[in-house]
Protein backbone atom coordinates (compact mmCIF):
# COMPACT_ATOMS: atom_id res chain seq x y z
CA MET A 1 0.00 0.00 0.00
CA ARG A 2 1.46 3.33 -1.10
CA ASN A 3 1.30 6.41 1.11
CA ILE A 4 -0.90 8.90 -0.72
CA GLU A 5 0.10 11.84 1.44
CA HIS A 6 3.79 11.26 0.70
CA MET A 7 3.02 11.06 -3.02
CA LYS A 8 1.11 14.34 -2.89
CA GLY A 9 3.88 16.00 -0.95
CA LYS A 10 6.44 14.96 -3.55
CA MET A 11 4.21 16.21 -6.38
CA PHE A 12 3.69 19.59 -4.70
CA GLN A 13 7.44 19.97 -4.26
CA LEU A 14 8.01 19.28 -7.96
CA ILE A 15 5.38 21.88 -8.86
CA ASP A 16 7.16 24.42 -6.67
CA ASP A 17 10.46 23.57 -8.39
CA VAL A 18 9.01 24.21 -11.86
CA ARG A 19 7.34 27.44 -10.78
CA ALA A 20 10.57 28.70 -9.21
CA MET A 21 12.51 27.92 -12.42
CA VAL A 22 10.02 29.75 -14.65
CA GLU A 23 9.71 32.76 -12.33
CA ALA A 24 13.49 33.09 -12.12
CA ALA A 25 13.73 33.28 -15.91
CA GLU A 26 10.88 35.81 -16.09
CA THR A 27 12.56 37.97 -13.44
CA GLU A 28 15.74 37.98 -15.55
CA GLN A 29 13.58 38.71 -18.66
CA ARG A 30 14.87 35.76 -20.59
CA ALA A 31 13.66 32.46 -22.01
CA LEU A 32 14.54 29.14 -20.41
CA SER A 33 17.85 27.71 -21.54
CA SER A 34 17.85 24.40 -23.38
CA GLU A 35 19.12 22.71 -20.24
CA GLU A 36 16.38 24.33 -18.12
CA GLN A 37 13.71 23.44 -20.69
CA GLU A 38 14.82 19.81 -20.70
CA LYS A 39 14.75 19.76 -16.87
CA LYS A 40 11.30 21.35 -16.84
CA GLU A 41 9.89 18.77 -19.27
CA LYS A 42 11.29 15.93 -17.17
CA ILE A 43 9.79 17.38 -13.97
CA MET A 44 6.41 17.90 -15.68
CA ALA A 45 6.44 14.27 -16.80
CA ASP A 46 7.11 13.22 -13.22
CA ILE A 47 4.24 15.42 -11.99
CA ARG A 48 1.81 13.90 -14.50
CA GLN A 49 2.90 10.40 -13.52
CA LEU A 50 2.49 11.16 -9.80
CA GLU A 51 -0.94 12.64 -10.46
CA LYS A 52 -1.93 9.45 -12.24
CA ASP A 53 -0.44 7.22 -9.53
CA ILE A 54 -2.26 9.15 -6.80
CA ALA A 55 -5.62 8.82 -8.57
CA GLU A 56 -5.09 5.08 -9.05
CA GLU A 57 -4.00 4.54 -5.43
CA GLU A 58 -7.00 6.50 -4.09
CA GLU A 59 -9.33 4.32 -6.14
CA ILE A 60 -7.62 1.12 -4.99
CA GLN A 61 -7.77 2.16 -1.33
CA ARG A 62 -11.43 3.14 -1.68
CA ILE A 63 -12.28 -0.30 -3.02
CA GLU A 64 -10.16 -2.02 -0.36
CA SER A 65 -11.91 -0.02 2.35
CA GLN A 66 -15.32 -1.09 1.06
CA ARG A 67 -14.16 -4.70 0.99
CA ALA A 68 -12.76 -4.48 4.52
CA ASN A 69 -16.11 -3.22 5.83
CA HIS A 70 -18.26 -5.68 3.92
CA PRO A 71 -20.27 -7.88 6.35
CA ASP A 72 -19.37 -11.02 4.40
CA ASN A 73 -15.72 -10.59 5.29
CA ASP A 74 -13.94 -11.82 8.40
CA PRO A 75 -16.63 -11.44 11.13
CA GLU A 76 -14.03 -11.23 13.91
CA LYS A 77 -12.25 -8.35 12.23
CA THR A 78 -15.52 -6.62 11.35
CA GLN A 79 -16.61 -6.79 14.96
CA ALA A 80 -13.34 -5.64 16.46
CA GLU A 81 -12.47 -3.30 13.52
CA TRP A 82 -8.77 -3.53 14.40
CA ARG A 83 -7.05 -6.51 15.93
CA SER A 84 -4.20 -4.54 17.49
CA LEU A 85 -3.07 -1.04 18.36
CA GLY A 86 -0.37 -1.41 15.72
CA GLU A 87 -2.92 -2.19 13.00
CA PHE A 88 -4.98 0.84 14.00
CA ALA A 89 -1.97 3.20 14.04
CA TYR A 90 -0.75 1.73 10.74
CA THR A 91 -4.13 2.54 9.20
CA VAL A 92 -4.05 6.12 10.52
CA ILE A 93 -0.60 6.67 9.03
CA ASN A 94 -0.86 4.84 5.74
CA ASN A 95 -4.55 4.90 4.86
CA PRO A 96 -6.25 7.90 6.49
CA ARG A 97 -9.10 7.62 3.97
CA ASP A 98 -10.17 4.28 5.45
CA GLU A 99 -13.92 4.56 6.08
CA ARG A 100 -13.54 3.04 9.53
CA LEU A 101 -11.43 6.00 10.57
CA GLN A 102 -14.03 8.56 9.56
CA ARG A 103 -16.24 7.39 12.43
CA ARG A 104 -13.35 8.06 14.83
CA GLU A 105 -12.24 11.45 13.55
CA VAL A 106 -11.77 14.09 16.24
CA GLY A 107 -11.26 17.82 16.25
CA SER A 108 -11.90 20.84 18.42
CA GLN A 109 -15.45 19.74 19.25
CA THR A 110 -14.23 16.46 20.70
CA MET A 111 -10.79 17.15 22.13
CA GLY A 112 -11.09 20.84 22.95
CA GLU A 113 -9.90 24.09 21.39
CA GLY A 114 -6.56 23.90 19.66
CA SER A 115 -6.84 20.31 18.52
CA GLU A 116 -5.55 19.77 15.01
CA GLY A 117 -7.48 16.60 14.37
CA GLY A 118 -6.71 12.93 14.53
CA TYR A 119 -8.46 9.64 15.20
CA LEU A 120 -9.66 8.25 18.52
CA VAL A 121 -7.94 5.03 19.50
CA PRO A 122 -10.49 2.20 20.01
CA THR A 123 -11.48 1.78 23.64
CA GLN A 124 -9.76 -1.57 24.16
CA PHE A 125 -6.41 -0.08 23.09
CA SER A 126 -6.98 3.34 24.68
CA ASP A 127 -7.52 1.67 28.06
CA GLN A 128 -4.15 -0.06 27.70
CA ILE A 129 -2.46 3.30 27.09
CA LEU A 130 -4.22 5.03 29.98
CA THR A 131 -3.56 2.27 32.51
CA VAL A 132 -0.47 3.24 34.52
CA SER A 133 1.13 1.03 37.17
CA PRO A 134 2.75 2.30 40.41
CA ASP A 135 6.12 1.37 38.89
CA GLU A 136 5.56 3.84 36.05
CA ALA A 137 4.25 6.84 37.97
CA VAL A 138 3.65 8.07 41.49
CA ILE A 139 0.45 10.09 41.33
CA ARG A 140 -2.01 8.64 38.78
CA PRO A 141 -2.02 5.06 40.20
CA ARG A 142 -2.76 6.45 43.69
CA ALA A 143 -5.20 9.24 42.79
CA ASN A 144 -8.97 9.31 42.31
CA VAL A 145 -9.40 9.01 38.53
CA PHE A 146 -12.63 9.80 36.68
CA THR A 147 -13.19 8.88 33.03
CA GLY A 148 -15.77 9.42 30.32
CA GLY A 149 -16.88 12.56 28.54
CA GLU A 150 -15.14 15.79 27.69
CA ALA A 151 -17.36 18.35 29.42
CA ASP A 152 -16.43 20.13 32.64
CA PHE A 153 -16.55 17.76 35.57
CA LYS A 154 -17.71 19.04 38.96
CA ILE A 155 -17.40 17.28 42.30
CA PRO A 156 -18.38 18.63 45.74
CA ALA A 157 -15.54 19.93 47.85
CA LEU A 158 -15.72 21.61 51.18
CA LYS A 159 -14.61 24.94 52.49
CA TYR A 160 -13.64 23.70 55.92
CA SER A 161 -14.59 25.49 59.10
CA ASP A 162 -14.74 24.42 62.73
CA ASN A 163 -17.91 22.39 62.17
CA ASN A 164 -17.89 18.62 62.17
CA MET A 165 -17.49 18.08 58.44
CA TYR A 166 -15.77 15.54 56.23
CA ALA A 167 -15.34 15.37 52.46
CA GLY A 168 -18.34 17.57 51.70
CA ALA A 169 -20.74 16.25 54.36
CA SER A 170 -22.11 17.93 57.49
CA VAL A 171 -22.79 15.63 60.43
CA THR A 172 -25.01 16.26 63.46
CA TRP A 173 -26.48 14.10 66.23
CA ILE A 174 -30.27 14.41 66.59
CA ASP A 175 -32.18 13.21 69.65
CA GLU A 176 -35.46 11.39 69.12
CA GLY A 177 -38.25 13.85 68.43
CA ASP A 178 -35.93 16.80 67.91
CA VAL A 179 -36.24 18.98 64.83
CA LYS A 180 -33.53 18.44 62.26
CA PRO A 181 -31.38 21.57 62.35
CA GLN A 182 -30.63 23.62 59.29
CA THR A 183 -27.00 23.95 58.34
CA ASP A 184 -24.99 26.86 57.03
CA VAL A 185 -22.20 24.64 55.80
CA GLU A 186 -20.39 26.39 52.98
CA PHE A 187 -19.73 24.06 50.08
CA LYS A 188 -17.56 24.54 47.03
CA GLN A 189 -17.42 22.85 43.65
CA ILE A 190 -14.13 21.48 42.36
CA THR A 191 -14.21 21.83 38.57
CA LEU A 192 -11.96 19.80 36.30
CA GLN A 193 -11.67 20.85 32.67
CA PRO A 194 -9.46 18.48 30.66
CA TYR A 195 -6.58 20.19 28.85
CA GLU A 196 -4.89 18.75 25.77
CA ILE A 197 -1.50 17.11 26.15
CA ALA A 198 0.38 15.80 23.11
CA ALA A 199 3.52 13.81 22.39
CA HIS A 200 5.32 13.70 19.02
CA VAL A 201 7.90 11.37 17.55
CA GLU A 202 9.66 11.23 14.15
CA VAL A 203 9.51 7.88 12.38
CA THR A 204 11.19 6.80 9.14
CA ASP A 205 9.10 5.54 6.24
CA LYS A 206 10.82 2.16 6.44
CA LEU A 207 9.65 1.65 10.00
CA LEU A 208 6.11 2.78 9.08
CA ARG A 209 5.77 -0.20 6.78
CA ASN A 210 5.91 -2.52 9.81
CA ALA A 211 2.70 -2.46 11.89
CA ASN A 212 4.39 -4.16 14.85
CA MET A 213 7.10 -1.51 14.98
CA VAL A 214 4.48 1.24 14.75
CA GLU A 215 2.71 -0.27 17.75
CA GLN A 216 5.95 -0.30 19.74
CA VAL A 217 6.48 3.40 19.00
CA VAL A 218 2.98 4.32 20.15
CA ARG A 219 2.84 1.95 23.11
CA ASN A 220 6.33 2.69 24.43
CA GLN A 221 7.69 6.06 23.31
CA LEU A 222 4.52 8.12 22.96
CA ARG A 223 2.73 6.54 25.92
CA GLY A 224 5.83 6.97 28.08
CA ALA A 225 6.15 10.63 27.10
CA LEU A 226 2.50 11.30 28.00
CA ILE A 227 2.88 9.57 31.38
CA ASP A 228 6.02 11.58 32.13
CA ALA A 229 4.43 14.92 31.23
CA GLU A 230 1.32 14.10 33.27
CA GLU A 231 3.39 13.19 36.31
CA ASP A 232 5.22 16.50 36.17
CA ALA A 233 1.95 18.47 35.96
CA PHE A 234 0.22 16.47 38.71
CA LEU A 235 3.13 17.21 41.04
CA THR A 236 4.25 20.74 40.12
CA GLY A 237 1.73 22.16 37.60
CA ASN A 238 0.49 25.73 38.11
CA GLY A 239 -3.04 25.12 36.82
CA VAL A 240 -2.66 27.46 33.82
CA GLY A 241 -3.47 25.42 30.72
CA LYS A 242 -2.51 22.30 32.64
CA PRO A 243 -3.42 20.47 35.88
CA ARG A 244 -2.84 22.05 39.30
CA GLY A 245 -0.17 20.05 41.01
CA VAL A 246 0.14 19.01 44.63
CA ILE A 247 3.14 21.24 45.44
CA GLY A 248 2.16 24.83 46.18
CA SER A 249 -1.57 24.09 45.99
CA ASP A 250 -4.10 25.75 48.32
CA PRO A 251 -4.44 22.80 50.72
CA ALA A 252 -0.68 22.13 50.92
CA ILE A 253 0.96 22.90 54.28
CA GLY A 254 4.58 24.01 54.28
CA VAL A 255 6.97 22.84 56.97
CA THR A 256 10.12 24.93 57.28
CA ARG A 257 13.22 22.76 57.48
CA GLU A 258 15.62 23.11 60.37
CA ASP A 259 18.61 23.61 58.09
CA ASP A 260 18.37 24.78 54.48
CA ASN A 261 19.32 22.21 51.83
CA LYS A 262 19.25 19.40 54.38
CA VAL A 263 16.69 16.92 55.65
CA GLN A 264 16.79 16.18 59.37
CA TYR A 265 14.86 13.97 61.73
CA ASP A 266 12.91 16.91 63.21
CA ASP A 267 11.80 17.93 59.72
CA LEU A 268 10.24 14.53 59.15
CA VAL A 269 8.57 14.57 62.57
CA ASN A 270 7.06 18.00 61.91
CA MET A 271 5.80 16.93 58.50
CA PHE A 272 4.27 13.77 59.89
CA ALA A 273 2.54 15.76 62.65
CA ARG A 274 0.90 18.00 60.06
CA PHE A 275 -0.19 15.12 57.86
CA ARG A 276 -3.76 13.85 57.81
CA GLY A 277 -4.52 10.83 55.68
CA ARG A 278 -4.78 7.08 55.63
CA ARG A 279 -2.68 6.14 52.60
CA GLY A 280 0.29 8.45 52.80
CA VAL A 281 3.44 8.26 50.73
CA TRP A 282 6.69 10.24 50.92
CA ILE A 283 7.62 11.69 47.50
CA ALA A 284 11.30 12.59 47.35
CA ASN A 285 13.75 14.16 44.95
CA ARG A 286 16.56 11.69 44.24
CA GLY A 287 19.01 14.13 45.79
CA VAL A 288 17.28 13.53 49.13
CA LEU A 289 18.08 9.80 48.98
CA PRO A 290 21.72 9.92 50.22
CA GLN A 291 20.74 12.03 53.23
CA LEU A 292 17.85 9.76 54.17
CA MET A 293 20.02 6.66 53.96
CA THR A 294 23.16 7.96 55.66
CA GLU A 295 22.52 11.11 57.72
CA VAL A 296 18.97 11.24 59.08
CA LYS A 297 18.99 9.52 62.49
CA ASP A 298 16.34 9.06 65.16
CA GLY A 299 16.67 10.02 68.82
CA ASP A 300 18.76 6.91 69.54
CA GLY A 301 21.26 7.68 66.78
CA ARG A 302 20.00 5.00 64.38
CA ILE A 303 19.67 5.62 60.64
CA LEU A 304 15.97 6.30 60.14
CA TRP A 305 15.48 4.98 56.61
CA GLN A 306 17.13 1.72 55.57
CA PRO A 307 15.43 0.05 52.61
CA ASN A 308 16.23 -3.57 51.89
CA ALA A 309 18.91 -3.24 49.23
CA ARG A 310 19.22 -6.98 48.68
CA ASP A 311 15.54 -7.66 47.98
CA GLY A 312 14.79 -4.29 46.46
CA GLN A 313 11.99 -3.62 48.93
CA PRO A 314 11.14 0.06 49.52
CA GLY A 315 11.74 1.31 53.01
CA SER A 316 9.28 3.34 55.03
CA ILE A 317 9.37 6.34 57.36
CA PHE A 318 6.88 6.25 60.24
CA GLY A 319 5.20 3.35 58.47
CA LEU A 320 4.68 5.18 55.16
CA PRO A 321 6.56 4.19 51.97
CA VAL A 322 9.17 6.38 50.30
CA VAL A 323 9.11 6.79 46.51
CA MET A 324 11.45 8.74 44.26
CA SER A 325 10.22 11.16 41.61
CA ASP A 326 12.28 12.67 38.82
CA HIS A 327 9.84 15.59 38.83
CA SER A 328 10.34 16.59 42.45
CA PRO A 329 12.00 20.02 42.86
CA ASP A 330 15.68 20.24 43.75
CA MET A 331 16.90 20.07 47.33
CA ASN A 332 16.99 23.84 47.75
CA GLN A 333 13.40 24.30 46.56
CA THR A 334 9.99 23.85 48.11
CA GLY A 335 8.64 20.35 47.66
CA SER A 336 11.88 18.37 47.39
CA LEU A 337 10.16 16.15 49.96
CA VAL A 338 6.38 15.80 50.13
CA LEU A 339 4.12 13.69 52.32
CA ALA A 340 0.78 13.11 50.60
CA ASP A 341 -2.36 11.03 50.63
CA LEU A 342 -2.96 11.01 46.89
CA SER A 343 -6.49 9.66 47.22
CA TYR A 344 -7.25 13.35 47.85
CA TYR A 345 -5.99 14.21 44.37
CA LEU A 346 -8.56 14.18 41.53
CA ILE A 347 -7.79 13.32 37.91
CA LYS A 348 -10.31 13.69 35.08
CA ASP A 349 -9.55 12.03 31.75
CA GLY A 350 -11.24 13.22 28.57
CA VAL A 351 -12.70 11.09 25.81
CA GLY A 352 -9.60 8.98 25.26
CA VAL A 353 -6.36 8.91 23.30
CA ALA A 354 -6.13 10.03 19.67
CA ILE A 355 -3.44 9.53 17.04
CA ALA A 356 -2.51 11.71 14.09
CA ALA A 357 0.29 11.58 11.52
CA SER A 358 1.78 14.14 9.13
CA PRO A 359 4.41 13.52 6.44
CA HIS A 360 4.44 17.11 5.18
CA MET A 361 7.01 18.72 7.49
CA LYS A 362 9.84 16.34 6.63
CA PHE A 363 8.60 14.37 3.63
CA THR A 364 11.80 15.08 1.68
CA ASN A 365 13.67 13.17 4.40
CA ASN A 366 11.22 10.25 4.26
CA ILE A 367 10.14 10.97 7.85
CA THR A 368 6.61 11.07 9.24
CA ILE A 369 5.72 12.76 12.52
CA ILE A 370 3.31 10.76 14.67
CA LYS A 371 1.34 12.51 17.42
CA ALA A 372 -0.54 10.90 20.28
CA PHE A 373 -2.71 13.24 22.28
CA LYS A 374 -5.38 13.19 24.98
CA THR A 375 -7.09 15.56 27.40
CA VAL A 376 -6.73 15.47 31.16
CA ASP A 377 -7.02 17.68 34.23
CA GLY A 378 -6.09 17.20 37.85
CA LYS A 379 -6.17 19.12 41.11
CA PRO A 380 -6.38 18.55 44.87
CA TRP A 381 -9.83 17.73 46.21
CA LEU A 382 -9.58 20.17 49.10
CA SER A 383 -9.89 23.94 48.98
CA GLY A 384 -7.48 24.43 51.88
CA PRO A 385 -5.88 22.75 54.91
CA LEU A 386 -8.08 21.26 57.63
CA PRO A 387 -8.40 24.04 60.24
CA THR A 388 -8.61 21.90 63.33
CA SER A 389 -6.91 22.97 66.55
CA TYR A 390 -3.65 21.88 64.89
CA GLU A 391 -3.82 22.60 61.15
CA THR A 392 -3.36 19.45 59.07
CA SER A 393 -3.62 18.41 55.43
CA PRO A 394 -3.28 15.38 53.12
CA PHE A 395 -0.50 17.40 51.41
CA VAL A 396 2.57 18.48 53.41
CA GLN A 397 5.69 19.88 51.76
CA LEU A 398 9.16 20.62 53.07
CA GLU A 399 10.46 24.11 52.33
CA ASN A 400 13.37 26.39 53.10
CA ALA A 401 13.16 29.26 55.56
């Protein structure tokens, strides 16, 4: 199967070459030289041949598409449409006129303003891309994730006061026969509006002819890039055109370290005292690791954190696991160490993952750019710390004085 878009790109380039040759001669007020005329005629012959080849290939692909969708063909393939992610991506790249793709075409109405268009990955493959294990990321596997639909998503949050309230609910005890009291609890809506995030990769035409290799590019490189960018936004994002991260968010409590650029036992104690949650995890910059393993000691002079190096088991501090993040700020910045219950972090996925391909930017180099994109938003569930007698929060960050 020939790539029609590549053929068109080559033809347009030849047309530009002829036009440039003729205009140059006209500017110099002269006729084409015999050598230029011969070159022009050869280029024009190539253009006519490409035009013919394109028309033939379009007709062949149209007929093949009709055959592929005919109910008398392979019922398993008709039902599943595509048997693998690689086959789907291969179709997007090499046969974008396939009728099956037209039902999956997306644009600004589906993916949000700014989308350049593409094709939604079938659900069974999209779910594989969106599923992220705790080994691949810190936040998404531990957060509250909502899926389905592209519209704004609202969930009740609470503006905490001194009343007895929890996660958006007001609680009172009522004696038998007493009138149920009215409440002036002040509620707030947390709104999540998925933003577009995209990853690009350049792929040679030779690789594009192998559906299995195409699948590896999408499943490994593009998926990995999306996961990495998400993780950075969920942890440090400022909420402008992207998710609002944990660090520096409204509910985050800052604990000033005893000594700048160091982590000491008292720092960890103070963070733990401010923490409120049931599934906490310490999120650390890798630069914190040497100090935790060699310098931070408890009151009896024992190293506080000693993970099992032989078995590769993660250690814990005060019973809560320690995980490393490449997106944590440096040691001298706020958030190099965070204690968080990430079940209090909300993630809203959009309609799914889409794929697009363009050969135009680098078609002379036989390179196609593949883009995988999706929409997602995330932000803490709380509007602020919990103002009990001793202010606490599911998000506690270490910071310099």
